[in-house]
Amino acid sequence: MSGKNISDLKPMTGGIVPITIAERRERLEKAQRLMKENRISAVFLEPGATLFYFTGIEWGRSERMLAALLPVQGEIAYVCPAFEEERLRELMIFGKEVRVWEEHESPFALVAGVLRDRGILSGKIGIEESVRFFLADGMRRAAPHLEWVSADAVTIPCRACKSATEIALMQRANEITIE
């Protein structure tokens, strides 16, 4: 330890400003503008970096679907197992709609229902690039009348241009790593 005591250690995260709710809302609004430009009616997200980027929700992936559907207009909606609803609601910043499924029910039918109830009866639905095949395939089967496409035209431009806050967070992470 080069003669240093553990009591000499100081927090390395001082001065870090987290991503705000306002910045996340701006991200969602930008995504909706890009969806409109690319004629994508909704984007399907599952837990991972992109769901966290837009919603702030950190959630591990499992064999049970947890999904977020961002429509081109209106608020985001979620689909999750019934036993996870309370935990999801505690983490939600945006949207109010959560549709839950029991073990004997199809979460894919719920996704199709969210889209139908939002008036999305035809057109393109973007699938975020890291969505697992069994989910994409299940949705395609539940709503074959929709065109399931890559959401890259929406998600990549959103995530590629970093805000000042994101750059500061990345710089701080780099400083911590170097130290």
Protein backbone atom coordinates (compact mmCIF):
# COMPACT_ATOMS: atom_id res chain seq x y z
CA MET A 1 0.00 0.00 0.00
CA SER A 2 3.03 2.29 -0.19
CA GLY A 3 2.68 3.55 3.38
CA LYS A 4 -0.91 4.76 2.99
CA ASN A 5 -3.58 3.98 5.53
CA ILE A 6 -7.10 3.03 4.66
CA SER A 7 -8.21 6.04 6.69
CA ASP A 8 -6.44 8.23 4.12
CA LEU A 9 -8.80 7.08 1.37
CA LYS A 10 -11.25 9.69 0.14
CA PRO A 11 -14.44 9.26 -1.91
CA MET A 12 -13.70 9.45 -5.62
CA THR A 13 -17.25 10.28 -6.64
CA GLY A 14 -17.45 13.79 -5.22
CA GLY A 15 -18.90 16.34 -7.58
CA ILE A 16 -20.57 13.77 -9.82
CA VAL A 17 -23.89 15.00 -11.17
CA PRO A 18 -26.25 12.19 -12.20
CA ILE A 19 -28.44 12.21 -15.29
CA THR A 20 -31.56 14.19 -14.39
CA ILE A 21 -35.19 13.34 -15.01
CA ALA A 22 -35.35 16.34 -17.37
CA GLU A 23 -32.45 14.98 -19.43
CA ARG A 24 -34.07 11.54 -19.62
CA ARG A 25 -37.33 13.18 -20.77
CA GLU A 26 -35.37 15.01 -23.50
CA ARG A 27 -33.95 11.65 -24.58
CA LEU A 28 -37.44 10.18 -24.88
CA GLU A 29 -38.64 13.21 -26.83
CA LYS A 30 -35.67 12.97 -29.21
CA ALA A 31 -36.41 9.28 -29.71
CA GLN A 32 -40.02 10.09 -30.55
CA ARG A 33 -38.90 12.72 -33.09
CA LEU A 34 -36.59 10.18 -34.72
CA MET A 35 -39.38 7.59 -34.71
CA LYS A 36 -41.63 10.03 -36.54
CA GLU A 37 -38.89 10.82 -39.10
CA ASN A 38 -38.30 7.10 -39.70
CA ARG A 39 -41.99 6.14 -39.66
CA ILE A 40 -41.56 3.83 -36.69
CA SER A 41 -44.75 3.61 -34.62
CA ALA A 42 -43.15 2.27 -31.42
CA VAL A 43 -39.85 0.97 -30.07
CA PHE A 44 -39.59 -2.21 -27.99
CA LEU A 45 -36.96 -2.26 -25.23
CA GLU A 46 -35.96 -4.95 -22.77
CA PRO A 47 -33.64 -4.57 -19.76
CA GLY A 48 -30.17 -3.38 -20.63
CA ALA A 49 -28.18 -0.25 -21.39
CA THR A 50 -30.78 1.32 -23.69
CA LEU A 51 -33.70 0.83 -21.29
CA PHE A 52 -31.53 2.41 -18.57
CA TYR A 53 -30.50 5.25 -20.92
CA PHE A 54 -34.10 6.24 -21.60
CA THR A 55 -35.85 5.39 -18.32
CA GLY A 56 -33.24 5.06 -15.58
CA ILE A 57 -34.56 1.57 -14.85
CA GLU A 58 -31.86 -0.97 -14.02
CA TRP A 59 -33.21 -4.50 -14.30
CA GLY A 60 -31.57 -7.84 -14.89
CA ARG A 61 -32.61 -10.00 -17.81
CA SER A 62 -34.23 -13.35 -17.18
CA GLU A 63 -36.35 -15.87 -19.04
CA ARG A 64 -39.40 -13.76 -18.10
CA MET A 65 -40.18 -10.77 -20.28
CA LEU A 66 -39.98 -7.30 -18.88
CA ALA A 67 -40.50 -4.83 -21.70
CA ALA A 68 -40.94 -1.14 -22.31
CA LEU A 69 -42.82 0.13 -25.33
CA LEU A 70 -42.14 3.70 -26.39
CA PRO A 71 -44.83 4.88 -28.82
CA VAL A 72 -44.22 7.62 -31.36
CA GLN A 73 -46.76 9.70 -29.41
CA GLY A 74 -47.68 9.46 -25.77
CA GLU A 75 -46.18 7.88 -22.70
CA ILE A 76 -44.08 4.76 -22.41
CA ALA A 77 -45.84 1.56 -21.29
CA TYR A 78 -44.45 -1.55 -19.60
CA VAL A 79 -45.15 -5.29 -19.61
CA CYS A 80 -43.85 -7.42 -16.74
CA PRO A 81 -44.53 -10.54 -14.70
CA ALA A 82 -47.28 -9.94 -12.13
CA PHE A 83 -44.98 -10.70 -9.22
CA GLU A 84 -42.58 -7.93 -10.38
CA GLU A 85 -45.18 -5.15 -10.76
CA GLU A 86 -44.59 -3.49 -7.41
CA ARG A 87 -40.81 -3.40 -7.88
CA LEU A 88 -41.19 -2.02 -11.40
CA ARG A 89 -43.57 0.72 -10.27
CA GLU A 90 -41.06 1.78 -7.61
CA LEU A 91 -38.44 2.32 -10.34
CA MET A 92 -40.68 4.02 -12.93
CA ILE A 93 -40.14 7.70 -13.63
CA PHE A 94 -42.09 7.89 -16.90
CA GLY A 95 -45.42 6.42 -17.88
CA LYS A 96 -48.10 4.92 -15.69
CA GLU A 97 -49.25 1.91 -17.67
CA VAL A 98 -48.01 -1.50 -16.56
CA ARG A 99 -49.58 -4.65 -17.96
CA VAL A 100 -48.83 -7.78 -16.02
CA TRP A 101 -48.88 -11.43 -16.95
CA GLU A 102 -49.14 -14.59 -14.91
CA GLU A 103 -47.03 -17.67 -15.61
CA HIS A 104 -49.79 -19.31 -17.68
CA GLU A 105 -50.33 -16.19 -19.84
CA SER A 106 -48.51 -14.82 -22.88
CA PRO A 107 -46.55 -11.60 -22.39
CA PHE A 108 -46.43 -11.33 -26.19
CA ALA A 109 -50.22 -10.97 -26.30
CA LEU A 110 -49.90 -8.11 -23.81
CA VAL A 111 -47.33 -6.35 -26.01
CA ALA A 112 -49.68 -6.72 -28.98
CA GLY A 113 -52.51 -5.39 -26.81
CA VAL A 114 -50.56 -2.30 -25.76
CA LEU A 115 -49.86 -1.52 -29.40
CA ARG A 116 -53.46 -2.20 -30.45
CA ASP A 117 -54.87 -0.05 -27.66
CA ARG A 118 -52.58 2.79 -28.71
CA GLY A 119 -54.05 2.59 -32.21
CA ILE A 120 -50.97 0.95 -33.70
CA LEU A 121 -52.64 -1.54 -36.04
CA SER A 122 -50.08 -1.46 -38.85
CA GLY A 123 -46.66 -0.08 -39.61
CA LYS A 124 -43.17 -0.52 -38.23
CA ILE A 125 -42.21 -1.45 -34.69
CA GLY A 126 -38.55 -0.93 -33.85
CA ILE A 127 -36.70 -3.59 -31.90
CA GLU A 128 -33.69 -2.35 -29.94
CA GLU A 129 -30.52 -4.07 -31.11
CA SER A 130 -29.84 -6.12 -27.98
CA VAL A 131 -33.33 -7.65 -27.68
CA ARG A 132 -33.03 -11.42 -27.50
CA PHE A 133 -34.32 -13.49 -30.41
CA PHE A 134 -36.98 -15.40 -28.46
CA LEU A 135 -38.62 -12.09 -27.52
CA ALA A 136 -38.48 -10.62 -31.02
CA ASP A 137 -39.79 -13.86 -32.50
CA GLY A 138 -42.59 -14.10 -29.93
CA MET A 139 -43.73 -10.57 -30.69
CA ARG A 140 -43.61 -11.18 -34.42
CA ARG A 141 -45.85 -14.22 -33.93
CA ALA A 142 -48.27 -12.34 -31.64
CA ALA A 143 -48.58 -9.41 -34.04
CA PRO A 144 -47.76 -10.65 -37.56
CA HIS A 145 -49.64 -7.71 -39.10
CA LEU A 146 -46.90 -5.36 -37.88
CA GLU A 147 -43.51 -4.92 -39.52
CA TRP A 148 -40.80 -5.65 -36.94
CA VAL A 149 -37.64 -3.68 -37.82
CA SER A 150 -34.37 -2.57 -36.25
CA ALA A 151 -34.68 0.46 -33.96
CA ASP A 152 -31.11 1.52 -34.74
CA ALA A 153 -32.32 4.60 -36.67
CA VAL A 154 -33.75 5.80 -33.35
CA THR A 155 -31.49 4.45 -30.62
CA ILE A 156 -28.06 4.98 -32.17
CA PRO A 157 -28.46 8.72 -32.92
CA CYS A 158 -29.84 9.22 -29.41
CA ARG A 159 -26.97 7.44 -27.69
CA ALA A 160 -24.12 8.57 -29.99
CA CYS A 161 -24.30 12.29 -29.18
CA LYS A 162 -23.29 12.76 -25.56
CA SER A 163 -24.61 15.54 -23.36
CA ALA A 164 -22.28 17.62 -21.18
CA THR A 165 -23.43 15.58 -18.18
CA GLU A 166 -22.66 12.28 -19.91
CA ILE A 167 -19.21 13.52 -20.95
CA ALA A 168 -18.47 14.63 -17.38
CA LEU A 169 -19.53 11.21 -16.05
CA MET A 170 -17.32 9.46 -18.60
CA GLN A 171 -14.36 11.71 -17.78
CA ARG A 172 -14.80 11.05 -14.06
CA ALA A 173 -14.98 7.29 -14.64
CA ASN A 174 -11.76 7.54 -16.64
CA GLU A 175 -10.05 9.53 -13.87
CA ILE A 176 -11.11 6.96 -11.27
CA THR A 177 -9.81 4.14 -13.46
CA ILE A 178 -6.44 5.85 -13.97
CA GLU A 179 -6.06 6.59 -10.26
